[in-house]
Amino acid sequence: MSLLLTLHPVSWPLVLFTFVCGYLSGSVPYGLILGKLAGLGDIRQSGSGNIGATNVLRVGGKSLALATLLLDALKGAIPALIAKQVHMDYGIIIGLGAFIGHIFPVWLGFRGGKGVAVALGVTLALSWQVGLITCLLWLAMALISKYSSLSALIAFALSPLAAVFITGNNQLAVFMLLLAAMIWMKHHGNIKRLLAGTESKIKLKKTAAP
């Protein structure tokens, strides 16, 4: 944790409180909520079974997926932006909490999404330059490969380098490396399908839920 926290002395009760606030914000399953409001039922029973924007795109179409993407990004970005005004340490801790809350939400039996949108939101809040480059890398890879998973894997694998070369902030670089590692772990199934050539490509047309 010392690589993420630079404040000395560290107020651990405040760190814990900050992390929990981030976790609670990140644990709100907007994809699931929007799917139910749109009459799609439980989107975990359709498509890939994920609660993120990519599966919402498959099941509910572009508008619903965009709304999910924005809300998932904002639930990480807003807390991180607010906490950053106090100190970068708290921005990172609350951002980490929001990311973990999304992928392990207590309300869904700790089975959530893969955290890409939340991670992008947090990154934009902590450093808009690094966040913008990560978004552009994702977009470029998505246009080239048509694979959302591959785009996320490459974009976040390169994000620590972007943090080092753009900001020179080792603390931010370590945080981006941590996010990238967790995103890669959450995409283990996608990686297997990419290697096998069976991964689903991005489709902008709405498909009927089974």
Protein backbone atom coordinates (compact mmCIF):
# COMPACT_ATOMS: atom_id res chain seq x y z
CA MET A 1 0.00 0.00 0.00
CA SER A 2 2.98 2.30 0.53
CA LEU A 3 3.34 2.65 -3.24
CA LEU A 4 -0.20 4.02 -3.43
CA LEU A 5 -0.11 6.22 -0.33
CA THR A 6 2.36 9.08 0.00
CA LEU A 7 0.85 10.85 3.01
CA HIS A 8 2.82 10.51 6.24
CA PRO A 9 1.49 9.74 8.74
CA VAL A 10 -1.39 7.83 7.16
CA SER A 11 -4.81 8.10 8.79
CA TRP A 12 -5.97 4.51 8.34
CA PRO A 13 -9.55 5.12 9.58
CA LEU A 14 -9.88 7.85 6.93
CA VAL A 15 -8.33 5.59 4.29
CA LEU A 16 -10.83 2.83 5.18
CA PHE A 17 -13.75 5.28 5.13
CA THR A 18 -12.63 6.61 1.74
CA PHE A 19 -12.31 3.09 0.31
CA VAL A 20 -15.78 2.08 1.58
CA CYS A 21 -17.35 5.21 0.05
CA GLY A 22 -15.76 4.32 -3.27
CA TYR A 23 -16.84 0.69 -2.96
CA LEU A 24 -20.48 1.64 -2.32
CA SER A 25 -20.52 3.97 -5.31
CA GLY A 26 -18.91 1.40 -7.58
CA SER A 27 -21.16 -1.43 -6.44
CA VAL A 28 -24.31 0.11 -7.94
CA PRO A 29 -25.10 -2.19 -10.94
CA TYR A 30 -26.35 0.38 -13.44
CA GLY A 31 -26.37 -2.07 -16.34
CA LEU A 32 -28.66 -4.41 -14.42
CA ILE A 33 -30.90 -1.56 -13.24
CA LEU A 34 -31.24 0.01 -16.70
CA GLY A 35 -31.91 -3.39 -18.25
CA LYS A 36 -34.79 -4.00 -15.87
CA LEU A 37 -36.18 -0.48 -16.38
CA ALA A 38 -36.06 -1.07 -20.15
CA GLY A 39 -38.05 -4.28 -19.78
CA LEU A 40 -35.15 -6.59 -20.60
CA GLY A 41 -35.32 -8.44 -17.32
CA ASP A 42 -32.08 -9.64 -15.77
CA ILE A 43 -29.34 -9.05 -18.37
CA ARG A 44 -27.18 -11.58 -16.54
CA GLN A 45 -29.43 -14.22 -18.11
CA SER A 46 -28.65 -12.98 -21.64
CA GLY A 47 -25.62 -12.54 -23.87
CA SER A 48 -22.37 -12.97 -21.97
CA GLY A 49 -24.11 -12.72 -18.60
CA ASN A 50 -22.11 -9.62 -17.69
CA ILE A 51 -23.61 -6.42 -16.22
CA GLY A 52 -21.34 -4.08 -18.19
CA ALA A 53 -21.96 -1.88 -21.22
CA THR A 54 -20.72 -4.43 -23.77
CA ASN A 55 -23.33 -6.99 -22.78
CA VAL A 56 -25.99 -4.27 -22.52
CA LEU A 57 -25.09 -3.40 -26.13
CA ARG A 58 -25.67 -7.00 -27.18
CA VAL A 59 -28.98 -7.28 -25.35
CA GLY A 60 -30.45 -3.77 -25.30
CA GLY A 61 -28.85 -1.76 -28.09
CA LYS A 62 -26.69 1.33 -28.43
CA SER A 63 -28.65 3.87 -26.39
CA LEU A 64 -28.93 1.67 -23.33
CA ALA A 65 -25.27 0.63 -23.64
CA LEU A 66 -24.16 4.27 -23.85
CA ALA A 67 -26.18 5.15 -20.74
CA THR A 68 -24.62 2.21 -18.89
CA LEU A 69 -21.14 3.19 -20.02
CA LEU A 70 -21.56 6.78 -18.84
CA LEU A 71 -23.08 5.86 -15.47
CA ASP A 72 -20.43 3.21 -14.81
CA ALA A 73 -17.68 5.71 -15.68
CA LEU A 74 -19.24 8.44 -13.54
CA LYS A 75 -19.61 6.23 -10.47
CA GLY A 76 -15.83 6.01 -10.46
CA ALA A 77 -14.98 9.46 -11.81
CA ILE A 78 -17.11 11.62 -9.49
CA PRO A 79 -15.86 10.15 -6.18
CA ALA A 80 -12.26 10.17 -7.44
CA LEU A 81 -12.51 13.76 -8.62
CA ILE A 82 -13.92 14.91 -5.28
CA ALA A 83 -11.42 12.96 -3.16
CA LYS A 84 -8.52 14.14 -5.32
CA GLN A 85 -9.23 17.71 -4.22
CA VAL A 86 -8.24 16.65 -0.68
CA HIS A 87 -5.16 14.67 -1.75
CA MET A 88 -4.15 12.40 -4.63
CA ASP A 89 -3.87 9.51 -2.16
CA TYR A 90 -7.58 9.70 -1.39
CA GLY A 91 -8.45 10.01 -5.08
CA ILE A 92 -6.58 6.78 -5.74
CA ILE A 93 -8.04 4.93 -2.75
CA ILE A 94 -11.64 5.92 -3.52
CA GLY A 95 -11.07 5.08 -7.20
CA LEU A 96 -9.73 1.66 -6.25
CA GLY A 97 -12.76 1.17 -4.01
CA ALA A 98 -15.14 2.05 -6.85
CA PHE A 99 -13.36 -0.35 -9.21
CA ILE A 100 -13.47 -3.23 -6.72
CA GLY A 101 -17.08 -2.40 -5.86
CA HIS A 102 -18.02 -2.82 -9.52
CA ILE A 103 -16.29 -6.14 -10.05
CA PHE A 104 -17.22 -7.55 -6.62
CA PRO A 105 -20.57 -5.93 -5.63
CA VAL A 106 -21.94 -7.22 -2.34
CA TRP A 107 -25.51 -6.83 -3.66
CA LEU A 108 -24.91 -9.38 -6.45
CA GLY A 109 -23.06 -12.01 -4.47
CA PHE A 110 -19.70 -10.40 -5.35
CA ARG A 111 -20.23 -11.21 -9.05
CA GLY A 112 -20.07 -7.99 -11.02
CA GLY A 113 -18.62 -6.57 -14.20
CA LYS A 114 -15.07 -6.41 -15.51
CA GLY A 115 -14.46 -2.82 -14.47
CA VAL A 116 -13.32 -1.24 -17.75
CA ALA A 117 -15.77 1.70 -17.77
CA VAL A 118 -15.22 2.39 -14.07
CA ALA A 119 -11.44 2.25 -14.53
CA LEU A 120 -11.67 4.69 -17.45
CA GLY A 121 -13.76 7.08 -15.36
CA VAL A 122 -11.33 6.94 -12.44
CA THR A 123 -8.34 7.43 -14.74
CA LEU A 124 -9.92 10.47 -16.39
CA ALA A 125 -10.60 11.97 -12.94
CA LEU A 126 -7.06 11.41 -11.68
CA SER A 127 -5.32 12.47 -14.89
CA TRP A 128 -7.39 13.54 -17.87
CA GLN A 129 -4.34 13.18 -20.14
CA VAL A 130 -3.72 9.55 -19.21
CA GLY A 131 -7.45 8.87 -19.29
CA LEU A 132 -7.80 10.42 -22.75
CA ILE A 133 -4.91 8.38 -24.15
CA THR A 134 -6.36 5.19 -22.63
CA CYS A 135 -9.75 5.96 -24.21
CA LEU A 136 -8.15 6.68 -27.59
CA LEU A 137 -6.15 3.44 -27.41
CA TRP A 138 -9.36 1.53 -26.66
CA LEU A 139 -11.18 3.24 -29.53
CA ALA A 140 -8.36 2.65 -32.01
CA MET A 141 -8.12 -1.04 -31.14
CA ALA A 142 -11.91 -1.41 -31.23
CA LEU A 143 -12.02 0.07 -34.74
CA ILE A 144 -9.18 -2.17 -35.90
CA SER A 145 -10.03 -5.45 -34.19
CA LYS A 146 -13.79 -5.14 -33.44
CA TYR A 147 -13.07 -6.86 -30.11
CA SER A 148 -14.08 -4.88 -27.02
CA SER A 149 -12.14 -7.20 -24.71
CA LEU A 150 -8.90 -7.01 -26.71
CA SER A 151 -9.22 -3.22 -26.88
CA ALA A 152 -9.54 -2.96 -23.10
CA LEU A 153 -6.64 -5.36 -22.49
CA ILE A 154 -4.24 -3.44 -24.73
CA ALA A 155 -5.37 0.02 -23.64
CA PHE A 156 -4.86 -0.71 -19.95
CA ALA A 157 -1.66 -2.67 -20.51
CA LEU A 158 -0.20 0.51 -22.01
CA SER A 159 -1.77 2.91 -19.50
CA PRO A 160 1.05 2.63 -16.88
CA LEU A 161 3.54 3.69 -19.56
CA ALA A 162 1.30 6.62 -20.44
CA ALA A 163 1.21 7.61 -16.77
CA VAL A 164 5.01 7.53 -16.52
CA PHE A 165 5.79 9.42 -19.71
CA ILE A 166 2.98 11.99 -19.50
CA THR A 167 2.80 12.75 -15.80
CA GLY A 168 6.05 11.36 -14.42
CA ASN A 169 3.95 10.30 -11.43
CA ASN A 170 5.14 6.88 -10.24
CA GLN A 171 2.24 6.66 -7.79
CA LEU A 172 -0.28 6.98 -10.64
CA ALA A 173 1.72 4.53 -12.76
CA VAL A 174 1.62 1.89 -10.01
CA PHE A 175 -2.12 2.44 -9.63
CA MET A 176 -2.65 2.02 -13.39
CA LEU A 177 -0.54 -1.15 -13.29
CA LEU A 178 -2.77 -2.49 -10.50
CA LEU A 179 -5.93 -1.69 -12.48
CA ALA A 180 -4.45 -3.30 -15.59
CA ALA A 181 -3.55 -6.48 -13.69
CA MET A 182 -7.07 -6.82 -12.28
CA ILE A 183 -8.67 -6.11 -15.65
CA TRP A 184 -6.54 -8.80 -17.26
CA MET A 185 -7.50 -11.26 -14.51
CA LYS A 186 -11.21 -10.48 -14.97
CA HIS A 187 -10.83 -11.06 -18.72
CA HIS A 188 -9.29 -14.54 -18.39
CA GLY A 189 -12.28 -16.10 -20.17
CA ASN A 190 -12.10 -13.53 -22.97
CA ILE A 191 -8.38 -14.19 -23.39
CA LYS A 192 -9.06 -17.91 -23.84
CA ARG A 193 -11.74 -17.15 -26.44
CA LEU A 194 -9.48 -14.68 -28.25
CA LEU A 195 -6.76 -17.31 -28.50
CA ALA A 196 -9.31 -19.87 -29.69
CA GLY A 197 -10.83 -17.44 -32.20
CA THR A 198 -14.29 -17.69 -30.64
CA GLU A 199 -14.55 -14.27 -28.96
CA SER A 200 -17.61 -12.21 -29.94
CA LYS A 201 -16.98 -9.04 -31.91
CA ILE A 202 -18.62 -5.68 -31.26
CA LYS A 203 -22.05 -5.49 -32.88
CA LEU A 204 -23.95 -2.22 -33.01
CA LYS A 205 -27.28 -3.84 -33.81
CA LYS A 206 -29.60 -4.87 -31.00
CA THR A 207 -30.03 -8.62 -30.63
CA ALA A 208 -33.03 -10.31 -29.12
CA ALA A 209 -32.60 -11.68 -25.64
CA PRO A 210 -32.97 -15.48 -25.50
